[in-house]
Amino acid sequence: MSKQKLQQIQQEIQNIKEELMAIGEMRPGSLTLQYKEPKEKRGPYYQISYTQRMRSRTQYVRSDRVEEIRHQIDVYRRFKKLIERWIELAIEHSQLKMKLPEHGESGK
């Protein structure tokens, strides 16, 4: 049973690798709509905020790039989920593998 489970984990890891290879442009952050005059809700503009190398950053985003940036953020979130799942599977794989007898042991 354990060897079958190891194979299932290996296959899921392979599927994750393949999906990661197909990932396109991405970037971390959150996109928000801001106003130059917030009380009057005038002068709307978008900005992206993110952290890189432990530094918080903010950039303005042109309105014609908003959908592109949203897509890149979604791709980044998917990337992060895939990496987290890969790590979980790698730990589970390692734990199962440690429980299996070595190939050279004679059933002691």
Protein backbone atom coordinates (compact mmCIF):
# COMPACT_ATOMS: atom_id res chain seq x y z
CA MET A 1 0.00 0.00 0.00
CA SER A 2 2.77 2.42 0.89
CA LYS A 3 4.53 1.92 -2.44
CA GLN A 4 1.28 2.63 -4.25
CA LYS A 5 0.80 5.79 -2.18
CA LEU A 6 4.39 6.83 -3.01
CA GLN A 7 3.62 6.44 -6.70
CA GLN A 8 0.45 8.51 -6.35
CA ILE A 9 2.40 11.27 -4.62
CA GLN A 10 5.11 11.17 -7.28
CA GLN A 11 2.47 11.46 -9.99
CA GLU A 12 0.83 14.44 -8.30
CA ILE A 13 4.23 16.12 -7.94
CA GLN A 14 4.86 15.49 -11.64
CA ASN A 15 1.49 17.07 -12.49
CA ILE A 16 2.41 20.12 -10.39
CA LYS A 17 5.77 20.42 -12.20
CA GLU A 18 4.01 20.31 -15.55
CA GLU A 19 1.54 22.97 -14.50
CA LEU A 20 4.37 25.17 -13.21
CA MET A 21 6.16 24.86 -16.55
CA ALA A 22 3.07 26.30 -18.26
CA ILE A 23 2.71 29.30 -15.96
CA GLY A 24 3.06 32.61 -17.74
CA GLU A 25 3.67 36.12 -16.48
CA MET A 26 3.02 36.64 -12.80
CA ARG A 27 3.59 39.08 -10.01
CA PRO A 28 2.77 39.30 -6.33
CA GLY A 29 0.62 41.97 -4.79
CA SER A 30 -2.80 43.39 -4.43
CA LEU A 31 -4.43 45.83 -6.79
CA THR A 32 -6.56 48.59 -5.33
CA LEU A 33 -8.54 51.52 -6.64
CA GLN A 34 -7.53 54.79 -4.99
CA TYR A 35 -8.72 58.38 -5.34
CA LYS A 36 -6.75 61.62 -5.45
CA GLU A 37 -9.66 63.20 -3.60
CA PRO A 38 -11.08 60.32 -1.53
CA LYS A 39 -13.93 62.22 0.12
CA GLU A 40 -15.35 63.28 -3.24
CA LYS A 41 -14.26 60.04 -4.95
CA ARG A 42 -12.59 62.03 -7.71
CA GLY A 43 -9.44 61.27 -9.60
CA PRO A 44 -9.51 57.47 -9.51
CA TYR A 45 -6.31 55.54 -10.11
CA TYR A 46 -5.06 52.01 -9.51
CA GLN A 47 -2.02 50.96 -7.58
CA ILE A 48 -0.39 47.65 -6.84
CA SER A 49 1.18 47.00 -3.45
CA TYR A 50 3.54 44.12 -2.77
CA THR A 51 6.49 43.07 -0.67
CA GLN A 52 9.80 42.10 -2.25
CA ARG A 53 12.94 41.26 -0.32
CA MET A 54 11.21 42.29 2.89
CA ARG A 55 10.46 45.77 1.54
CA SER A 56 6.98 47.05 0.90
CA ARG A 57 6.50 48.62 -2.52
CA THR A 58 3.71 50.44 -4.29
CA GLN A 59 3.41 51.27 -7.98
CA TYR A 60 0.84 53.10 -10.02
CA VAL A 61 -0.95 51.05 -12.67
CA ARG A 62 -2.27 52.59 -15.85
CA SER A 63 -5.95 51.90 -16.40
CA ASP A 64 -5.24 50.08 -19.67
CA ARG A 65 -3.02 47.61 -17.76
CA VAL A 66 -5.40 46.81 -14.88
CA GLU A 67 -6.76 43.54 -16.35
CA GLU A 68 -3.26 42.37 -17.27
CA ILE A 69 -2.04 43.03 -13.72
CA ARG A 70 -5.09 41.28 -12.24
CA HIS A 71 -4.31 38.24 -14.35
CA GLN A 72 -0.63 38.29 -13.29
CA ILE A 73 -1.68 38.45 -9.63
CA ASP A 74 -4.06 35.49 -10.13
CA VAL A 75 -1.27 33.51 -11.79
CA TYR A 76 1.06 34.31 -8.88
CA ARG A 77 -1.54 33.07 -6.38
CA ARG A 78 -1.88 29.84 -8.35
CA PHE A 79 1.93 29.52 -8.39
CA LYS A 80 2.07 29.89 -4.60
CA LYS A 81 -0.66 27.26 -4.09
CA LEU A 82 1.14 24.82 -6.37
CA ILE A 83 4.44 25.32 -4.53
CA GLU A 84 2.77 24.86 -1.14
CA ARG A 85 1.11 21.65 -2.34
CA TRP A 86 4.43 20.38 -3.73
CA ILE A 87 6.07 20.97 -0.34
CA GLU A 88 3.25 19.13 1.46
CA LEU A 89 3.58 16.20 -0.92
CA ALA A 90 7.37 16.16 -0.64
CA ILE A 91 7.13 15.93 3.15
CA GLU A 92 4.51 13.18 2.96
CA HIS A 93 6.62 11.31 0.39
CA SER A 94 9.70 11.53 2.58
CA GLN A 95 7.82 10.31 5.66
CA LEU A 96 6.33 7.33 3.80
CA LYS A 97 9.67 6.47 2.25
CA MET A 98 11.36 6.41 5.66
CA LYS A 99 8.79 3.84 6.85
CA LEU A 100 9.49 1.44 3.98
CA PRO A 101 12.16 -1.22 4.51
CA GLU A 102 15.42 -0.79 2.63
CA HIS A 103 15.78 -2.87 -0.53
CA GLY A 104 18.76 -4.71 0.96
CA GLU A 105 17.07 -5.73 4.23
CA SER A 106 15.84 -9.30 4.62
CA GLY A 107 12.53 -8.64 6.39
CA LYS A 108 13.89 -8.26 9.93
